[in-house]
Amino acid sequence: MKHLLPALSLLLAACSNSTGMGNDFATTVQQAEPMRPGVRAVRIGEGGPGFQACAYTARVVNFGKPDLPLRQAPFQEADEVLRLPHDARLFACTRSIDQRWQGVVVPPADAPDTDCGVTAPVASPRDYTGPCKSGWVASAFVRLVAG
């Protein structure tokens, strides 16, 4: 009989609907937003002070959809800066570590011959800050055309 009362108490506690002392996993998990990669600036001047800030001019090729997205970081999930039509002119400045993304500077559509400040050498590598738009495009859709 001595052991019957504690056993009965444990049985009743196990059948209870209470949430306990706050350790209930379902009440502590919150819905999280999907992770976003943020922004990664395009670097210019990686070739050194004896070379153009962006080593190549390039063109958008073989995309197969209406426009190629220019992204804020070298990730498919990164936000779009703008969309580039087939044959758009670009300055290719850098690549992602895995070589799947090109960091590019894009002249304005109404002035495609603008040099965007990247055809002359810069003293040391740095983030591109303008005046043109910059971002990341998938390397598979960029053809380098000149140095």
C-alpha atoms as a PDB file:
ATOM      1  CA  MET A   1       0.000   0.000   0.000  1.00  0.00           C
ATOM      2  CA  LYS A   2       2.993   2.261   0.674  1.00  0.00           C
ATOM      3  CA  HIS A   3       4.022   2.045  -2.957  1.00  0.00           C
ATOM      4  CA  LEU A   4       0.548   2.197  -4.410  1.00  0.00           C
ATOM      5  CA  LEU A   5      -0.039   5.896  -3.680  1.00  0.00           C
ATOM      6  CA  PRO A   6       3.185   7.176  -5.383  1.00  0.00           C
ATOM      7  CA  ALA A   7       2.586   4.851  -8.357  1.00  0.00           C
ATOM      8  CA  LEU A   8      -0.977   6.117  -8.699  1.00  0.00           C
ATOM      9  CA  SER A   9       0.249   9.732  -8.530  1.00  0.00           C
ATOM     10  CA  LEU A  10       2.782   9.106 -11.305  1.00  0.00           C
ATOM     11  CA  LEU A  11       0.133   7.464 -13.453  1.00  0.00           C
ATOM     12  CA  LEU A  12      -2.203  10.432 -13.063  1.00  0.00           C
ATOM     13  CA  ALA A  13       0.608  12.894 -13.805  1.00  0.00           C
ATOM     14  CA  ALA A  14       1.496  11.037 -17.018  1.00  0.00           C
ATOM     15  CA  CYS A  15      -2.089  11.313 -18.240  1.00  0.00           C
ATOM     16  CA  SER A  16      -2.315  15.029 -17.481  1.00  0.00           C
ATOM     17  CA  ASN A  17      -2.695  17.614 -20.273  1.00  0.00           C
ATOM     18  CA  SER A  18      -0.428  20.162 -18.572  1.00  0.00           C
ATOM     19  CA  THR A  19       2.600  21.483 -20.440  1.00  0.00           C
ATOM     20  CA  GLY A  20       4.974  21.027 -17.545  1.00  0.00           C
ATOM     21  CA  MET A  21       7.715  23.434 -16.522  1.00  0.00           C
ATOM     22  CA  GLY A  22       8.268  25.191 -19.881  1.00  0.00           C
ATOM     23  CA  ASN A  23      10.466  22.540 -21.459  1.00  0.00           C
ATOM     24  CA  ASP A  24       7.859  21.581 -24.012  1.00  0.00           C
ATOM     25  CA  PHE A  25       9.672  21.663 -27.389  1.00  0.00           C
ATOM     26  CA  ALA A  26       6.570  22.622 -29.378  1.00  0.00           C
ATOM     27  CA  THR A  27       6.106  25.834 -27.428  1.00  0.00           C
ATOM     28  CA  THR A  28       9.739  26.974 -27.723  1.00  0.00           C
ATOM     29  CA  VAL A  29      10.200  26.531 -31.498  1.00  0.00           C
ATOM     30  CA  GLN A  30       9.352  29.653 -33.492  1.00  0.00           C
ATOM     31  CA  GLN A  31       8.696  29.903 -37.188  1.00  0.00           C
ATOM     32  CA  ALA A  32      11.864  31.255 -38.785  1.00  0.00           C
ATOM     33  CA  GLU A  33      12.030  33.125 -42.085  1.00  0.00           C
ATOM     34  CA  PRO A  34      14.095  31.481 -44.808  1.00  0.00           C
ATOM     35  CA  MET A  35      17.751  32.428 -44.618  1.00  0.00           C
ATOM     36  CA  ARG A  36      18.874  35.112 -47.070  1.00  0.00           C
ATOM     37  CA  PRO A  37      22.496  35.387 -48.219  1.00  0.00           C
ATOM     38  CA  GLY A  38      22.607  39.191 -47.937  1.00  0.00           C
ATOM     39  CA  VAL A  39      24.847  41.355 -50.078  1.00  0.00           C
ATOM     40  CA  ARG A  40      28.382  40.677 -51.270  1.00  0.00           C
ATOM     41  CA  ALA A  41      30.105  43.540 -53.037  1.00  0.00           C
ATOM     42  CA  VAL A  42      31.876  42.998 -56.354  1.00  0.00           C
ATOM     43  CA  ARG A  43      35.650  43.430 -55.949  1.00  0.00           C
ATOM     44  CA  ILE A  44      37.657  45.392 -58.506  1.00  0.00           C
ATOM     45  CA  GLY A  45      41.409  45.690 -58.956  1.00  0.00           C
ATOM     46  CA  GLU A  46      42.203  42.055 -58.189  1.00  0.00           C
ATOM     47  CA  GLY A  47      44.799  41.931 -60.989  1.00  0.00           C
ATOM     48  CA  GLY A  48      46.944  44.587 -59.335  1.00  0.00           C
ATOM     49  CA  PRO A  49      47.813  48.217 -60.152  1.00  0.00           C
ATOM     50  CA  GLY A  50      49.236  47.355 -63.581  1.00  0.00           C
ATOM     51  CA  PHE A  51      45.900  46.107 -64.959  1.00  0.00           C
ATOM     52  CA  GLN A  52      42.380  47.414 -65.512  1.00  0.00           C
ATOM     53  CA  ALA A  53      40.121  47.389 -62.454  1.00  0.00           C
ATOM     54  CA  CYS A  54      37.941  44.820 -64.263  1.00  0.00           C
ATOM     55  CA  ALA A  55      39.990  42.579 -66.498  1.00  0.00           C
ATOM     56  CA  TYR A  56      37.388  41.692 -69.148  1.00  0.00           C
ATOM     57  CA  THR A  57      34.389  42.927 -71.008  1.00  0.00           C
ATOM     58  CA  ALA A  58      31.720  40.310 -71.457  1.00  0.00           C
ATOM     59  CA  ARG A  59      28.287  39.625 -72.922  1.00  0.00           C
ATOM     60  CA  VAL A  60      25.225  37.777 -71.645  1.00  0.00           C
ATOM     61  CA  VAL A  61      24.722  34.628 -73.775  1.00  0.00           C
ATOM     62  CA  ASN A  62      22.542  31.507 -74.076  1.00  0.00           C
ATOM     63  CA  PHE A  63      20.220  32.195 -71.166  1.00  0.00           C
ATOM     64  CA  GLY A  64      17.087  30.705 -72.741  1.00  0.00           C
ATOM     65  CA  LYS A  65      14.725  32.786 -70.594  1.00  0.00           C
ATOM     66  CA  PRO A  66      13.830  36.405 -71.272  1.00  0.00           C
ATOM     67  CA  ASP A  67      16.431  37.976 -68.969  1.00  0.00           C
ATOM     68  CA  LEU A  68      19.367  36.964 -66.768  1.00  0.00           C
ATOM     69  CA  PRO A  69      19.056  38.047 -63.114  1.00  0.00           C
ATOM     70  CA  LEU A  70      21.848  40.168 -61.654  1.00  0.00           C
ATOM     71  CA  ARG A  71      21.979  39.234 -57.953  1.00  0.00           C
ATOM     72  CA  GLN A  72      23.269  40.960 -54.800  1.00  0.00           C
ATOM     73  CA  ALA A  73      25.429  37.972 -53.839  1.00  0.00           C
ATOM     74  CA  PRO A  74      26.761  34.848 -55.589  1.00  0.00           C
ATOM     75  CA  PHE A  75      23.811  32.659 -54.582  1.00  0.00           C
ATOM     76  CA  GLN A  76      20.605  31.641 -56.354  1.00  0.00           C
ATOM     77  CA  GLU A  77      18.635  32.787 -53.275  1.00  0.00           C
ATOM     78  CA  ALA A  78      20.112  36.311 -53.282  1.00  0.00           C
ATOM     79  CA  ASP A  79      17.847  39.226 -54.142  1.00  0.00           C
ATOM     80  CA  GLU A  80      17.828  40.518 -57.706  1.00  0.00           C
ATOM     81  CA  VAL A  81      19.323  43.905 -58.543  1.00  0.00           C
ATOM     82  CA  LEU A  82      18.003  43.938 -62.119  1.00  0.00           C
ATOM     83  CA  ARG A  83      17.552  41.697 -65.159  1.00  0.00           C
ATOM     84  CA  LEU A  84      19.951  41.640 -68.101  1.00  0.00           C
ATOM     85  CA  PRO A  85      18.829  40.961 -71.684  1.00  0.00           C
ATOM     86  CA  HIS A  86      20.679  38.646 -74.081  1.00  0.00           C
ATOM     87  CA  ASP A  87      23.870  40.276 -75.416  1.00  0.00           C
ATOM     88  CA  ALA A  88      23.978  42.908 -72.636  1.00  0.00           C
ATOM     89  CA  ARG A  89      27.495  44.324 -72.166  1.00  0.00           C
ATOM     90  CA  LEU A  90      29.210  43.740 -68.794  1.00  0.00           C
ATOM     91  CA  PHE A  91      32.573  44.254 -67.150  1.00  0.00           C
ATOM     92  CA  ALA A  92      33.736  40.992 -65.550  1.00  0.00           C
ATOM     93  CA  CYS A  93      35.697  41.871 -62.414  1.00  0.00           C
ATOM     94  CA  THR A  94      35.879  38.818 -60.152  1.00  0.00           C
ATOM     95  CA  ARG A  95      34.589  35.272 -59.622  1.00  0.00           C
ATOM     96  CA  SER A  96      33.157  33.390 -56.687  1.00  0.00           C
ATOM     97  CA  ILE A  97      35.414  30.824 -55.027  1.00  0.00           C
ATOM     98  CA  ASP A  98      33.538  27.948 -56.692  1.00  0.00           C
ATOM     99  CA  GLN A  99      33.795  29.742 -60.101  1.00  0.00           C
ATOM    100  CA  ARG A 100      30.010  29.447 -60.633  1.00  0.00           C
ATOM    101  CA  TRP A 101      29.381  33.209 -60.369  1.00  0.00           C
ATOM    102  CA  GLN A 102      30.906  36.263 -62.048  1.00  0.00           C
ATOM    103  CA  GLY A 103      31.075  39.558 -60.184  1.00  0.00           C
ATOM    104  CA  VAL A 104      30.201  42.137 -62.822  1.00  0.00           C
ATOM    105  CA  VAL A 105      29.651  45.857 -63.337  1.00  0.00           C
ATOM    106  CA  VAL A 106      26.819  46.766 -65.711  1.00  0.00           C
ATOM    107  CA  PRO A 107      26.815  49.938 -67.841  1.00  0.00           C
ATOM    108  CA  PRO A 108      23.424  51.660 -68.088  1.00  0.00           C
ATOM    109  CA  ALA A 109      21.163  50.295 -70.848  1.00  0.00           C
ATOM    110  CA  ASP A 110      20.841  53.771 -72.382  1.00  0.00           C
ATOM    111  CA  ALA A 111      24.644  54.263 -72.455  1.00  0.00           C
ATOM    112  CA  PRO A 112      26.225  50.811 -72.983  1.00  0.00           C
ATOM    113  CA  ASP A 113      29.636  52.303 -73.882  1.00  0.00           C
ATOM    114  CA  THR A 114      30.066  53.873 -70.428  1.00  0.00           C
ATOM    115  CA  ASP A 115      33.300  52.661 -68.783  1.00  0.00           C
ATOM    116  CA  CYS A 116      31.800  52.744 -65.234  1.00  0.00           C
ATOM    117  CA  GLY A 117      35.222  53.664 -63.825  1.00  0.00           C
ATOM    118  CA  VAL A 118      36.630  50.139 -64.249  1.00  0.00           C
ATOM    119  CA  THR A 119      38.718  50.340 -67.423  1.00  0.00           C
ATOM    120  CA  ALA A 120      41.644  52.102 -65.725  1.00  0.00           C
ATOM    121  CA  PRO A 121      43.862  50.546 -63.025  1.00  0.00           C
ATOM    122  CA  VAL A 122      43.180  51.092 -59.326  1.00  0.00           C
ATOM    123  CA  ALA A 123      45.889  51.208 -56.655  1.00  0.00           C
ATOM    124  CA  SER A 124      44.631  48.186 -54.714  1.00  0.00           C
ATOM    125  CA  PRO A 125      41.699  45.738 -54.669  1.00  0.00           C
ATOM    126  CA  ARG A 126      38.489  47.166 -53.241  1.00  0.00           C
ATOM    127  CA  ASP A 127      34.708  46.918 -53.344  1.00  0.00           C
ATOM    128  CA  TYR A 128      33.082  48.557 -56.354  1.00  0.00           C
ATOM    129  CA  THR A 129      30.954  51.522 -55.239  1.00  0.00           C
ATOM    130  CA  GLY A 130      29.610  52.967 -58.481  1.00  0.00           C
ATOM    131  CA  PRO A 131      28.550  54.854 -60.540  1.00  0.00           C
ATOM    132  CA  CYS A 132      27.094  51.823 -62.395  1.00  0.00           C
ATOM    133  CA  LYS A 133      25.147  48.885 -61.000  1.00  0.00           C
ATOM    134  CA  SER A 134      27.092  45.814 -59.949  1.00  0.00           C
ATOM    135  CA  GLY A 135      26.275  42.302 -58.818  1.00  0.00           C
ATOM    136  CA  TRP A 136      26.616  38.617 -59.557  1.00  0.00           C
ATOM    137  CA  VAL A 137      25.534  36.528 -62.556  1.00  0.00           C
ATOM    138  CA  ALA A 138      25.833  32.809 -63.239  1.00  0.00           C
ATOM    139  CA  SER A 139      29.151  32.185 -65.058  1.00  0.00           C
ATOM    140  CA  ALA A 140      27.512  29.773 -67.497  1.00  0.00           C
ATOM    141  CA  PHE A 141      25.705  32.685 -69.159  1.00  0.00           C
ATOM    142  CA  VAL A 142      28.639  35.078 -69.522  1.00  0.00           C
ATOM    143  CA  ARG A 143      31.083  35.072 -72.439  1.00  0.00           C
ATOM    144  CA  LEU A 144      34.314  37.022 -71.979  1.00  0.00           C
ATOM    145  CA  VAL A 145      35.000  38.975 -75.154  1.00  0.00           C
ATOM    146  CA  ALA A 146      38.070  41.189 -74.619  1.00  0.00           C
ATOM    147  CA  GLY A 147      40.668  42.346 -72.134  1.00  0.00           C
END
